Amino acid sequence: MKKVSLFTLVLFLLSAIAHAEPYRLGHGLKLHDSIHIGGYFSTDYEVGEEKRLLRLDDVALLGYGNITPKFSYLVELEAAPYYKRDFRNHYQEYDRKFHYERLYFDYHFSEYANFRIGKLITPIGYWNLEPINVLRETSSSPSLSKKMFPKFLTGLDIYGYVPGVDTLTYHLFMQNSKDIDEDYINIKNRHFFGLSLENQMSMDFQYGGSVGEYITEDTTRTRFFQLNAKYEDGAINVQAEAMVNHSENSSFVHETTKFSGYLQSEYHFNFQHALIGRYEYFDDDSVTLSNHIGIFGYSYRPIYPVSLKAEYQINSDSSKNKFLASFSVLF
């Protein structure tokens, strides 16, 4: 699918602003009942033994709305990283192409069956469902969300409440084609199928899990099993995810197993200030790689759509220890 230039996006936005309602930061620009325009950006600064990096990491434009009471859509175009400069290794680069991160339509049939078709976020766990930096409490993402399964799928997601169980929700998702934008996905695949369940036990505790498989371009079949849980009680938020996957390729007679998980705890002094701690583990027997990461961070939100974050990562490979700070805004 053809990439969209920044110039085209700016022209479209300017042409619509004259008819927009009053704007509030973080709530998008309402041009019509069926057309809202929003966006976000994120910039970060990373210092480690191997690099000292400044990035304008995410620049994105969102379009969304309700076409009818039951039919809605969302389009998200993103360039990442838009600009990158490494002061230690003396190089810089740009990537000004906007890619289709999400492009889908929703049909709300009932509380038990809804249909989402297009390119969408893979409905697994918690971290993957929050792709926008400003909405998360750390700038970095766990290895589980990057290395264990495709973050997006181009296909169909059927979701809703399980009939007769008003605390249990499901997602049945499937893909049997290439991605809409193959330049913008972490694991390219032609086949992706899975089922996710989430049970809201009480107001402050929920848990769930996922099973499924995907087949990459080199015909490697990977089957996965995932569990997640979250506890939220006022100032305290604790969440955990773990996944194991097993890959096999009949052409190369090769099998591998990966395991990844994390436990994250947040303490919110108030709406603006929070302390975060996270432990991660990643193991890949195909390259005899076992990695432990500890993260200690701080998050400050002067207002909800604006986030300033800082963290220090301690890695089992000390050469990868680093400091990371970010600034992000949701429009």
C-alpha atoms as a PDB file:
ATOM      1  CA  MET A   1       0.000   0.000   0.000  1.00  0.00           C
ATOM      2  CA  LYS A   2       1.362   3.435  -0.938  1.00  0.00           C
ATOM      3  CA  LYS A   3       2.882   5.553   1.843  1.00  0.00           C
ATOM      4  CA  VAL A   4       1.345   8.917   2.689  1.00  0.00           C
ATOM      5  CA  SER A   5       3.523  12.057   2.694  1.00  0.00           C
ATOM      6  CA  LEU A   6       3.579  14.584   5.521  1.00  0.00           C
ATOM      7  CA  PHE A   7       2.679  17.362   3.043  1.00  0.00           C
ATOM      8  CA  THR A   8      -0.551  15.546   2.082  1.00  0.00           C
ATOM      9  CA  LEU A   9      -1.498  15.080   5.723  1.00  0.00           C
ATOM     10  CA  VAL A  10      -0.920  18.758   6.538  1.00  0.00           C
ATOM     11  CA  LEU A  11      -3.029  19.933   3.583  1.00  0.00           C
ATOM     12  CA  PHE A  12      -5.891  17.674   4.618  1.00  0.00           C
ATOM     13  CA  LEU A  13      -5.773  18.891   8.192  1.00  0.00           C
ATOM     14  CA  LEU A  14      -5.666  22.578   7.299  1.00  0.00           C
ATOM     15  CA  SER A  15      -8.588  22.240   4.900  1.00  0.00           C
ATOM     16  CA  ALA A  16     -10.795  20.863   7.675  1.00  0.00           C
ATOM     17  CA  ILE A  17      -9.881  23.111  10.624  1.00  0.00           C
ATOM     18  CA  ALA A  18     -12.137  25.958   9.502  1.00  0.00           C
ATOM     19  CA  HIS A  19     -15.223  23.810  10.181  1.00  0.00           C
ATOM     20  CA  ALA A  20     -14.025  22.283  13.448  1.00  0.00           C
ATOM     21  CA  GLU A  21     -15.548  22.641  16.910  1.00  0.00           C
ATOM     22  CA  PRO A  22     -13.490  24.191  19.779  1.00  0.00           C
ATOM     23  CA  TYR A  23     -10.385  22.104  20.449  1.00  0.00           C
ATOM     24  CA  ARG A  24      -9.211  20.559  23.750  1.00  0.00           C
ATOM     25  CA  LEU A  25      -5.741  19.053  24.058  1.00  0.00           C
ATOM     26  CA  GLY A  26      -5.869  15.253  24.058  1.00  0.00           C
ATOM     27  CA  HIS A  27      -9.438  15.029  22.740  1.00  0.00           C
ATOM     28  CA  GLY A  28      -8.787  15.452  19.036  1.00  0.00           C
ATOM     29  CA  LEU A  29     -10.435  17.880  16.648  1.00  0.00           C
ATOM     30  CA  LYS A  30     -14.105  17.232  15.883  1.00  0.00           C
ATOM     31  CA  LEU A  31     -14.821  18.181  12.283  1.00  0.00           C
ATOM     32  CA  HIS A  32     -18.133  16.324  12.065  1.00  0.00           C
ATOM     33  CA  ASP A  33     -20.021  13.682  14.051  1.00  0.00           C
ATOM     34  CA  SER A  34     -18.277  11.071  11.908  1.00  0.00           C
ATOM     35  CA  ILE A  35     -14.856  12.726  11.592  1.00  0.00           C
ATOM     36  CA  HIS A  36     -12.394  13.333  14.436  1.00  0.00           C
ATOM     37  CA  ILE A  37      -8.740  14.174  13.854  1.00  0.00           C
ATOM     38  CA  GLY A  38      -6.034  13.679  16.448  1.00  0.00           C
ATOM     39  CA  GLY A  39      -2.406  12.747  16.758  1.00  0.00           C
ATOM     40  CA  TYR A  40       0.581  12.344  19.011  1.00  0.00           C
ATOM     41  CA  PHE A  41       4.348  12.552  19.089  1.00  0.00           C
ATOM     42  CA  SER A  42       7.076  11.220  21.329  1.00  0.00           C
ATOM     43  CA  THR A  43      10.729  12.151  21.646  1.00  0.00           C
ATOM     44  CA  ASP A  44      13.336  10.402  23.799  1.00  0.00           C
ATOM     45  CA  TYR A  45      16.979  10.576  24.827  1.00  0.00           C
ATOM     46  CA  GLU A  46      18.963   7.400  25.514  1.00  0.00           C
ATOM     47  CA  VAL A  47      22.424   7.182  27.097  1.00  0.00           C
ATOM     48  CA  GLY A  48      24.345   3.909  27.296  1.00  0.00           C
ATOM     49  CA  GLU A  49      27.798   2.434  26.812  1.00  0.00           C
ATOM     50  CA  GLU A  50      27.180   1.817  23.119  1.00  0.00           C
ATOM     51  CA  LYS A  51      25.271   4.964  22.118  1.00  0.00           C
ATOM     52  CA  ARG A  52      23.974   8.397  23.078  1.00  0.00           C
ATOM     53  CA  LEU A  53      20.817   8.737  21.060  1.00  0.00           C
ATOM     54  CA  LEU A  54      18.233  11.474  20.493  1.00  0.00           C
ATOM     55  CA  ARG A  55      15.062  10.447  18.657  1.00  0.00           C
ATOM     56  CA  LEU A  56      11.856  11.995  17.495  1.00  0.00           C
ATOM     57  CA  ASP A  57      10.451   8.514  17.853  1.00  0.00           C
ATOM     58  CA  ASP A  58       6.749   8.706  16.973  1.00  0.00           C
ATOM     59  CA  VAL A  59       4.883  11.208  14.825  1.00  0.00           C
ATOM     60  CA  ALA A  60       1.333  10.080  14.183  1.00  0.00           C
ATOM     61  CA  LEU A  61      -2.011  11.260  12.858  1.00  0.00           C
ATOM     62  CA  LEU A  62      -5.338   9.680  13.871  1.00  0.00           C
ATOM     63  CA  GLY A  63      -8.710   9.797  12.152  1.00  0.00           C
ATOM     64  CA  TYR A  64     -11.775   8.155  13.685  1.00  0.00           C
ATOM     65  CA  GLY A  65     -15.535   8.419  14.035  1.00  0.00           C
ATOM     66  CA  ASN A  66     -18.949   6.792  14.010  1.00  0.00           C
ATOM     67  CA  ILE A  67     -20.484   6.449  10.555  1.00  0.00           C
ATOM     68  CA  THR A  68     -23.711   5.025  12.025  1.00  0.00           C
ATOM     69  CA  PRO A  69     -24.639   4.039  15.614  1.00  0.00           C
ATOM     70  CA  LYS A  70     -23.237   0.548  14.886  1.00  0.00           C
ATOM     71  CA  PHE A  71     -20.508   1.256  12.338  1.00  0.00           C
ATOM     72  CA  SER A  72     -17.227   3.057  13.133  1.00  0.00           C
ATOM     73  CA  TYR A  73     -13.664   3.327  11.849  1.00  0.00           C
ATOM     74  CA  LEU A  74     -10.112   4.279  12.842  1.00  0.00           C
ATOM     75  CA  VAL A  75      -7.072   5.227  10.740  1.00  0.00           C
ATOM     76  CA  GLU A  76      -3.623   5.726  12.284  1.00  0.00           C
ATOM     77  CA  LEU A  77      -0.658   6.873  10.190  1.00  0.00           C
ATOM     78  CA  GLU A  78       2.748   6.906  11.848  1.00  0.00           C
ATOM     79  CA  ALA A  79       6.393   7.641  11.095  1.00  0.00           C
ATOM     80  CA  ALA A  80       8.845   6.076  13.569  1.00  0.00           C
ATOM     81  CA  PRO A  81      11.547   6.981  14.177  1.00  0.00           C
ATOM     82  CA  TYR A  82      10.997  10.222  12.284  1.00  0.00           C
ATOM     83  CA  TYR A  83      14.470  11.515  13.201  1.00  0.00           C
ATOM     84  CA  LYS A  84      17.398   9.859  14.973  1.00  0.00           C
ATOM     85  CA  ARG A  85      20.835  11.185  15.914  1.00  0.00           C
ATOM     86  CA  ASP A  86      23.579   9.215  17.664  1.00  0.00           C
ATOM     87  CA  PHE A  87      26.073  11.643  19.232  1.00  0.00           C
ATOM     88  CA  ARG A  88      28.466   8.881  20.293  1.00  0.00           C
ATOM     89  CA  ASN A  89      28.754   7.203  16.893  1.00  0.00           C
ATOM     90  CA  HIS A  90      28.344  10.459  14.916  1.00  0.00           C
ATOM     91  CA  TYR A  91      25.473   9.713  12.575  1.00  0.00           C
ATOM     92  CA  GLN A  92      21.903  10.857  11.978  1.00  0.00           C
ATOM     93  CA  GLU A  93      19.027   9.620   9.848  1.00  0.00           C
ATOM     94  CA  TYR A  94      15.449  10.460   8.917  1.00  0.00           C
ATOM     95  CA  ASP A  95      12.423   8.346   8.080  1.00  0.00           C
ATOM     96  CA  ARG A  96       9.674  10.703   6.952  1.00  0.00           C
ATOM     97  CA  LYS A  97       7.409   8.069   5.443  1.00  0.00           C
ATOM     98  CA  PHE A  98       4.088   7.600   7.173  1.00  0.00           C
ATOM     99  CA  HIS A  99       2.960   3.987   7.478  1.00  0.00           C
ATOM    100  CA  TYR A 100      -0.406   2.419   8.165  1.00  0.00           C
ATOM    101  CA  GLU A 101      -0.135   1.375  11.804  1.00  0.00           C
ATOM    102  CA  ARG A 102      -3.906   0.824  12.102  1.00  0.00           C
ATOM    103  CA  LEU A 103      -6.696   0.915   9.539  1.00  0.00           C
ATOM    104  CA  TYR A 104      -9.926  -0.841  10.500  1.00  0.00           C
ATOM    105  CA  PHE A 105     -13.714  -0.775  10.619  1.00  0.00           C
ATOM    106  CA  ASP A 106     -15.897  -1.865  13.545  1.00  0.00           C
ATOM    107  CA  TYR A 107     -19.403  -3.283  13.400  1.00  0.00           C
ATOM    108  CA  HIS A 108     -21.114  -3.379  16.805  1.00  0.00           C
ATOM    109  CA  PHE A 109     -23.691  -6.136  16.464  1.00  0.00           C
ATOM    110  CA  SER A 110     -24.346  -6.890  20.148  1.00  0.00           C
ATOM    111  CA  GLU A 111     -22.533  -7.128  23.487  1.00  0.00           C
ATOM    112  CA  TYR A 112     -21.727 -10.754  22.602  1.00  0.00           C
ATOM    113  CA  ALA A 113     -20.493 -10.367  19.020  1.00  0.00           C
ATOM    114  CA  ASN A 114     -18.689  -7.424  17.418  1.00  0.00           C
ATOM    115  CA  PHE A 115     -16.569  -7.437  14.274  1.00  0.00           C
ATOM    116  CA  ARG A 116     -13.353  -5.525  13.570  1.00  0.00           C
ATOM    117  CA  ILE A 117     -11.773  -5.876  10.127  1.00  0.00           C
ATOM    118  CA  GLY A 118      -8.588  -4.358   8.698  1.00  0.00           C
ATOM    119  CA  LYS A 119      -5.168  -3.765  10.256  1.00  0.00           C
ATOM    120  CA  LEU A 120      -5.517  -3.730  14.019  1.00  0.00           C
ATOM    121  CA  ILE A 121      -3.646  -4.237  17.281  1.00  0.00           C
ATOM    122  CA  THR A 122      -3.270  -7.903  18.195  1.00  0.00           C
ATOM    123  CA  PRO A 123      -5.581  -8.307  21.227  1.00  0.00           C
ATOM    124  CA  ILE A 124      -3.107 -10.049  23.541  1.00  0.00           C
ATOM    125  CA  GLY A 125      -2.367  -9.040  27.141  1.00  0.00           C
ATOM    126  CA  TYR A 126      -2.174  -5.446  28.352  1.00  0.00           C
ATOM    127  CA  TRP A 127       0.992  -3.818  27.031  1.00  0.00           C
ATOM    128  CA  ASN A 128       0.273  -4.444  23.378  1.00  0.00           C
ATOM    129  CA  LEU A 129      -3.154  -2.804  23.687  1.00  0.00           C
ATOM    130  CA  GLU A 130      -1.542   0.548  24.579  1.00  0.00           C
ATOM    131  CA  PRO A 131       0.637   1.406  21.552  1.00  0.00           C
ATOM    132  CA  ILE A 132       0.772   5.153  22.267  1.00  0.00           C
ATOM    133  CA  ASN A 133       3.751   6.210  24.401  1.00  0.00           C
ATOM    134  CA  VAL A 134       1.953   8.961  26.304  1.00  0.00           C
ATOM    135  CA  LEU A 135      -0.583   6.452  27.704  1.00  0.00           C
ATOM    136  CA  ARG A 136       2.087   4.200  29.245  1.00  0.00           C
ATOM    137  CA  GLU A 137       4.114   4.752  32.408  1.00  0.00           C
ATOM    138  CA  THR A 138       7.523   3.789  30.945  1.00  0.00           C
ATOM    139  CA  SER A 139       9.179   4.828  27.705  1.00  0.00           C
ATOM    140  CA  SER A 140      10.637   1.373  27.040  1.00  0.00           C
ATOM    141  CA  SER A 141       8.578  -1.707  26.207  1.00  0.00           C
ATOM    142  CA  PRO A 142       9.104  -5.252  27.542  1.00  0.00           C
ATOM    143  CA  SER A 143      10.764  -7.820  25.264  1.00  0.00           C
ATOM    144  CA  LEU A 144       7.521  -9.833  25.341  1.00  0.00           C
ATOM    145  CA  SER A 145       5.701  -7.140  23.373  1.00  0.00           C
ATOM    146  CA  LYS A 146       8.402  -6.921  20.682  1.00  0.00           C
ATOM    147  CA  LYS A 147       9.846 -10.402  20.117  1.00  0.00           C
ATOM    148  CA  MET A 148       7.201 -13.013  20.889  1.00  0.00           C
ATOM    149  CA  PHE A 149       4.269 -12.384  18.496  1.00  0.00           C
ATOM    150  CA  PRO A 150       3.160  -9.999  15.705  1.00  0.00           C
ATOM    151  CA  LYS A 151       2.045  -6.719  17.312  1.00  0.00           C
ATOM    152  CA  PHE A 152      -0.539  -6.150  14.564  1.00  0.00           C
ATOM    153  CA  LEU A 153      -2.683  -8.340  12.372  1.00  0.00           C
ATOM    154  CA  THR A 154      -4.430  -7.688   9.080  1.00  0.00           C
ATOM    155  CA  GLY A 155      -7.642  -9.658   9.198  1.00  0.00           C
ATOM    156  CA  LEU A 156     -10.674 -10.117  11.427  1.00  0.00           C
ATOM    157  CA  ASP A 157     -11.271  -9.851  15.173  1.00  0.00           C
ATOM    158  CA  ILE A 158     -14.588 -11.075  16.619  1.00  0.00           C
ATOM    159  CA  TYR A 159     -15.011  -9.929  20.216  1.00  0.00           C
ATOM    160  CA  GLY A 160     -17.500  -9.390  23.040  1.00  0.00           C
ATOM    161  CA  TYR A 161     -18.790 -10.938  26.262  1.00  0.00           C
ATOM    162  CA  VAL A 162     -19.048 -14.699  26.576  1.00  0.00           C
ATOM    163  CA  PRO A 163     -22.824 -15.470  26.709  1.00  0.00           C
ATOM    164  CA  GLY A 164     -23.947 -16.281  30.234  1.00  0.00           C
ATOM    165  CA  VAL A 165     -20.732 -15.002  31.872  1.00  0.00           C
ATOM    166  CA  ASP A 166     -20.975 -11.238  32.336  1.00  0.00           C
ATOM    167  CA  THR A 167     -17.374 -10.899  33.603  1.00  0.00           C
ATOM    168  CA  LEU A 168     -15.657 -12.811  30.784  1.00  0.00           C
ATOM    169  CA  THR A 169     -14.721 -11.256  27.423  1.00  0.00           C
ATOM    170  CA  TYR A 170     -13.163 -12.884  24.374  1.00  0.00           C
ATOM    171  CA  HIS A 171     -11.281 -12.040  21.171  1.00  0.00           C
ATOM    172  CA  LEU A 172     -11.178 -14.532  18.309  1.00  0.00           C
ATOM    173  CA  PHE A 173      -8.742 -13.164  15.734  1.00  0.00           C
ATOM    174  CA  MET A 174      -7.458 -14.436  12.395  1.00  0.00           C
ATOM    175  CA  GLN A 175      -5.286 -13.440   9.439  1.00  0.00           C
ATOM    176  CA  ASN A 176      -4.650 -15.320   6.202  1.00  0.00           C
ATOM    177  CA  SER A 177      -2.856 -12.745   4.035  1.00  0.00           C
ATOM    178  CA  LYS A 178       0.126 -10.424   4.142  1.00  0.00           C
ATOM    179  CA  ASP A 179       0.047  -7.264   6.262  1.00  0.00           C
ATOM    180  CA  ILE A 180      -1.447  -4.066   4.781  1.00  0.00           C
ATOM    181  CA  ASP A 181       1.923  -2.364   5.358  1.00  0.00           C
ATOM    182  CA  GLU A 182       4.679  -4.974   5.606  1.00  0.00           C
ATOM    183  CA  ASP A 183       7.326  -2.319   6.207  1.00  0.00           C
ATOM    184  CA  TYR A 184       5.683  -1.576   9.542  1.00  0.00           C
ATOM    185  CA  ILE A 185       5.308  -4.759  11.552  1.00  0.00           C
ATOM    186  CA  ASN A 186       7.734  -6.513  13.890  1.00  0.00           C
ATOM    187  CA  ILE A 187       7.133 -10.092  12.595  1.00  0.00           C
ATOM    188  CA  LYS A 188       6.038 -10.516   8.979  1.00  0.00           C
ATOM    189  CA  ASN A 189       3.604 -13.389   8.515  1.00  0.00           C
ATOM    190  CA  ARG A 190       0.948 -14.803   6.199  1.00  0.00           C
ATOM    191  CA  HIS A 191      -1.103 -16.734   8.748  1.00  0.00           C
ATOM    192  CA  PHE A 192      -2.071 -15.679  12.289  1.00  0.00           C
ATOM    193  CA  PHE A 193      -4.818 -17.172  14.436  1.00  0.00           C
ATOM    194  CA  GLY A 194      -5.610 -16.911  18.134  1.00  0.00           C
ATOM    195  CA  LEU A 195      -8.076 -16.708  21.008  1.00  0.00           C
ATOM    196  CA  SER A 196      -7.813 -14.361  24.000  1.00  0.00           C
ATOM    197  CA  LEU A 197      -9.932 -14.415  27.163  1.00  0.00           C
ATOM    198  CA  GLU A 198     -10.119 -11.874  29.996  1.00  0.00           C
ATOM    199  CA  ASN A 199     -12.016 -12.302  33.286  1.00  0.00           C
ATOM    200  CA  GLN A 200     -12.865  -9.281  35.483  1.00  0.00           C
ATOM    201  CA  MET A 201     -12.941 -10.986  38.898  1.00  0.00           C
ATOM    202  CA  SER A 202     -13.635  -7.764  40.819  1.00  0.00           C
ATOM    203  CA  MET A 203     -13.310  -3.994  40.465  1.00  0.00           C
ATOM    204  CA  ASP A 204      -9.576  -4.223  41.178  1.00  0.00           C
ATOM    205  CA  PHE A 205      -8.458  -7.617  39.814  1.00  0.00           C
ATOM    206  CA  GLN A 206      -8.550  -9.229  36.379  1.00  0.00           C
ATOM    207  CA  TYR A 207      -6.714 -12.018  34.629  1.00  0.00           C
ATOM    208  CA  GLY A 208      -6.661 -13.745  31.255  1.00  0.00           C
ATOM    209  CA  GLY A 209      -4.677 -15.563  28.627  1.00  0.00           C
ATOM    210  CA  SER A 210      -4.198 -16.302  24.934  1.00  0.00           C
ATOM    211  CA  VAL A 211      -3.370 -19.218  22.667  1.00  0.00           C
ATOM    212  CA  GLY A 212      -2.665 -19.295  18.944  1.00  0.00           C
ATOM    213  CA  GLU A 213      -0.155 -19.664  16.155  1.00  0.00           C
ATOM    214  CA  TYR A 214       1.439 -17.728  13.316  1.00  0.00           C
ATOM    215  CA  ILE A 215       3.433 -18.717  10.235  1.00  0.00           C
ATOM    216  CA  THR A 216       6.230 -16.422   9.031  1.00  0.00           C
ATOM    217  CA  GLU A 217       7.423 -15.858   5.463  1.00  0.00           C
ATOM    218  CA  ASP A 218      10.015 -18.665   5.674  1.00  0.00           C
ATOM    219  CA  THR A 219       7.182 -21.127   6.656  1.00  0.00           C
ATOM    220  CA  THR A 220       8.254 -21.274  10.308  1.00  0.00           C
ATOM    221  CA  ARG A 221       5.203 -22.176  12.400  1.00  0.00           C
ATOM    222  CA  THR A 222       5.112 -20.722  15.920  1.00  0.00           C
ATOM    223  CA  ARG A 223       2.547 -21.781  18.533  1.00  0.00           C
ATOM    224  CA  PHE A 224       2.177 -19.656  21.661  1.00  0.00           C
ATOM    225  CA  PHE A 225       0.563 -19.711  25.100  1.00  0.00           C
ATOM    226  CA  GLN A 226       0.238 -16.530  27.165  1.00  0.00           C
ATOM    227  CA  LEU A 227      -1.063 -15.516  30.626  1.00  0.00           C
ATOM    228  CA  ASN A 228      -1.668 -12.070  32.145  1.00  0.00           C
ATOM    229  CA  ALA A 229      -3.022 -10.538  35.363  1.00  0.00           C
ATOM    230  CA  LYS A 230      -3.588  -7.021  36.701  1.00  0.00           C
ATOM    231  CA  TYR A 231      -4.362  -5.533  40.123  1.00  0.00           C
ATOM    232  CA  GLU A 232      -5.415  -1.893  40.520  1.00  0.00           C
ATOM    233  CA  ASP A 233      -6.356  -0.364  43.868  1.00  0.00           C
ATOM    234  CA  GLY A 234      -6.174   3.419  44.053  1.00  0.00           C
ATOM    235  CA  ALA A 235      -2.515   4.408  44.079  1.00  0.00           C
ATOM    236  CA  ILE A 236      -1.169   0.906  43.362  1.00  0.00           C
ATOM    237  CA  ASN A 237      -1.123  -0.802  39.965  1.00  0.00           C
ATOM    238  CA  VAL A 238       0.532  -4.193  39.453  1.00  0.00           C
ATOM    239  CA  GLN A 239       0.477  -6.110  36.187  1.00  0.00           C
ATOM    240  CA  ALA A 240       2.230  -9.177  34.823  1.00  0.00           C
ATOM    241  CA  GLU A 241       2.431 -11.038  31.525  1.00  0.00           C
ATOM    242  CA  ALA A 242       4.250 -14.191  30.449  1.00  0.00           C
ATOM    243  CA  MET A 243       4.410 -16.057  27.145  1.00  0.00           C
ATOM    244  CA  VAL A 244       6.076 -19.194  25.834  1.00  0.00           C
ATOM    245  CA  ASN A 245       6.265 -20.022  22.146  1.00  0.00           C
ATOM    246  CA  HIS A 246       7.565 -23.007  20.217  1.00  0.00           C
ATOM    247  CA  SER A 247       8.708 -22.677  16.608  1.00  0.00           C
ATOM    248  CA  GLU A 248       9.401 -25.365  14.034  1.00  0.00           C
ATOM    249  CA  ASN A 249      10.406 -25.323  10.384  1.00  0.00           C
ATOM    250  CA  SER A 250      10.072 -28.599   8.503  1.00  0.00           C
ATOM    251  CA  SER A 251      12.371 -27.398   5.690  1.00  0.00           C
ATOM    252  CA  PHE A 252      15.299 -26.893   8.065  1.00  0.00           C
ATOM    253  CA  VAL A 253      14.263 -29.555  10.616  1.00  0.00           C
ATOM    254  CA  HIS A 254      14.767 -26.906  13.278  1.00  0.00           C
ATOM    255  CA  GLU A 255      12.858 -26.260  16.512  1.00  0.00           C
ATOM    256  CA  THR A 256      13.236 -23.426  19.025  1.00  0.00           C
ATOM    257  CA  THR A 257      11.545 -22.328  22.239  1.00  0.00           C
ATOM    258  CA  LYS A 258      11.318 -18.801  23.630  1.00  0.00           C
ATOM    259  CA  PHE A 259      10.019 -17.580  26.980  1.00  0.00           C
ATOM    260  CA  SER A 260       9.427 -13.995  28.038  1.00  0.00           C
ATOM    261  CA  GLY A 261       7.681 -12.331  30.943  1.00  0.00           C
ATOM    262  CA  TYR A 262       7.559  -9.206  33.071  1.00  0.00           C
ATOM    263  CA  LEU A 263       6.199  -7.961  36.389  1.00  0.00           C
ATOM    264  CA  GLN A 264       5.547  -4.227  36.707  1.00  0.00           C
ATOM    265  CA  SER A 265       4.479  -2.245  39.750  1.00  0.00           C
ATOM    266  CA  GLU A 266       3.406   1.406  39.855  1.00  0.00           C
ATOM    267  CA  TYR A 267       2.824   3.675  42.825  1.00  0.00           C
ATOM    268  CA  HIS A 268       0.924   6.898  42.093  1.00  0.00           C
ATOM    269  CA  PHE A 269       1.485   9.659  44.650  1.00  0.00           C
ATOM    270  CA  ASN A 270      -1.283  11.560  42.884  1.00  0.00           C
ATOM    271  CA  PHE A 271      -2.526  12.042  39.315  1.00  0.00           C
ATOM    272  CA  GLN A 272       0.715  13.724  38.254  1.00  0.00           C
ATOM    273  CA  HIS A 273       3.515  11.735  39.899  1.00  0.00           C
ATOM    274  CA  ALA A 274       4.295   7.999  39.849  1.00  0.00           C
ATOM    275  CA  LEU A 275       7.172   5.632  40.566  1.00  0.00           C
ATOM    276  CA  ILE A 276       7.554   2.495  38.454  1.00  0.00           C
ATOM    277  CA  GLY A 277       9.540  -0.706  38.828  1.00  0.00           C
ATOM    278  CA  ARG A 278       9.675  -3.552  36.309  1.00  0.00           C
ATOM    279  CA  TYR A 279      11.470  -6.864  36.102  1.00  0.00           C
ATOM    280  CA  GLU A 280      11.762  -8.628  32.726  1.00  0.00           C
ATOM    281  CA  TYR A 281      13.079 -11.997  31.649  1.00  0.00           C
ATOM    282  CA  PHE A 282      13.710 -13.248  28.127  1.00  0.00           C
ATOM    283  CA  ASP A 283      15.103 -16.623  27.086  1.00  0.00           C
ATOM    284  CA  ASP A 284      15.750 -17.856  23.533  1.00  0.00           C
ATOM    285  CA  ASP A 285      17.274 -21.327  23.239  1.00  0.00           C
ATOM    286  CA  SER A 286      18.019 -20.858  19.514  1.00  0.00           C
ATOM    287  CA  VAL A 287      20.875 -18.475  20.341  1.00  0.00           C
ATOM    288  CA  THR A 288      21.479 -19.535  23.966  1.00  0.00           C
ATOM    289  CA  LEU A 289      20.319 -16.111  25.111  1.00  0.00           C
ATOM    290  CA  SER A 290      19.011 -15.489  28.608  1.00  0.00           C
ATOM    291  CA  ASN A 291      18.457 -11.903  29.686  1.00  0.00           C
ATOM    292  CA  HIS A 292      17.326 -10.243  32.934  1.00  0.00           C
ATOM    293  CA  ILE A 293      16.366  -6.547  32.996  1.00  0.00           C
ATOM    294  CA  GLY A 294      15.456  -4.371  35.967  1.00  0.00           C
ATOM    295  CA  ILE A 295      13.861  -0.967  35.380  1.00  0.00           C
ATOM    296  CA  PHE A 296      13.354   1.875  37.857  1.00  0.00           C
ATOM    297  CA  GLY A 297      11.390   4.858  36.579  1.00  0.00           C
ATOM    298  CA  TYR A 298       9.505   8.050  37.302  1.00  0.00           C
ATOM    299  CA  SER A 299       6.513   9.491  35.441  1.00  0.00           C
ATOM    300  CA  TYR A 300       5.198  13.039  35.553  1.00  0.00           C
ATOM    301  CA  ARG A 301       1.975  14.218  33.903  1.00  0.00           C
ATOM    302  CA  PRO A 302       1.352  17.945  34.308  1.00  0.00           C
ATOM    303  CA  ILE A 303      -1.931  17.271  32.482  1.00  0.00           C
ATOM    304  CA  TYR A 304      -3.262  13.956  31.167  1.00  0.00           C
ATOM    305  CA  PRO A 305      -2.249  14.324  27.480  1.00  0.00           C
ATOM    306  CA  VAL A 306       1.344  15.327  28.348  1.00  0.00           C
ATOM    307  CA  SER A 307       3.895  12.911  29.791  1.00  0.00           C
ATOM    308  CA  LEU A 308       7.509  13.243  30.927  1.00  0.00           C
ATOM    309  CA  LYS A 309       9.236  10.002  31.929  1.00  0.00           C
ATOM    310  CA  ALA A 310      12.692   8.877  33.013  1.00  0.00           C
ATOM    311  CA  GLU A 311      14.055   5.415  33.758  1.00  0.00           C
ATOM    312  CA  TYR A 312      17.262   3.504  34.334  1.00  0.00           C
ATOM    313  CA  GLN A 313      17.696  -0.046  33.024  1.00  0.00           C
ATOM    314  CA  ILE A 314      19.987  -2.598  34.640  1.00  0.00           C
ATOM    315  CA  ASN A 315      20.745  -5.464  32.258  1.00  0.00           C
ATOM    316  CA  SER A 316      22.324  -8.869  32.937  1.00  0.00           C
ATOM    317  CA  ASP A 317      24.725  -7.789  30.188  1.00  0.00           C
ATOM    318  CA  SER A 318      26.092  -4.672  31.883  1.00  0.00           C
ATOM    319  CA  SER A 319      27.209  -3.188  28.561  1.00  0.00           C
ATOM    320  CA  LYS A 320      23.506  -2.679  27.769  1.00  0.00           C
ATOM    321  CA  ASN A 321      22.679  -0.712  30.915  1.00  0.00           C
ATOM    322  CA  LYS A 322      21.167   2.632  29.962  1.00  0.00           C
ATOM    323  CA  PHE A 323      19.276   5.759  30.979  1.00  0.00           C
ATOM    324  CA  LEU A 324      16.173   6.721  29.014  1.00  0.00           C
ATOM    325  CA  ALA A 325      14.044   9.880  29.192  1.00  0.00           C
ATOM    326  CA  SER A 326      11.067  10.840  27.053  1.00  0.00           C
ATOM    327  CA  PHE A 327       8.563  13.591  26.393  1.00  0.00           C
ATOM    328  CA  SER A 328       5.259  12.814  24.644  1.00  0.00           C
ATOM    329  CA  VAL A 329       2.012  14.615  23.851  1.00  0.00           C
ATOM    330  CA  LEU A 330      -1.416  13.394  22.733  1.00  0.00           C
ATOM    331  CA  PHE A 331      -3.341  15.942  20.652  1.00  0.00           C
END
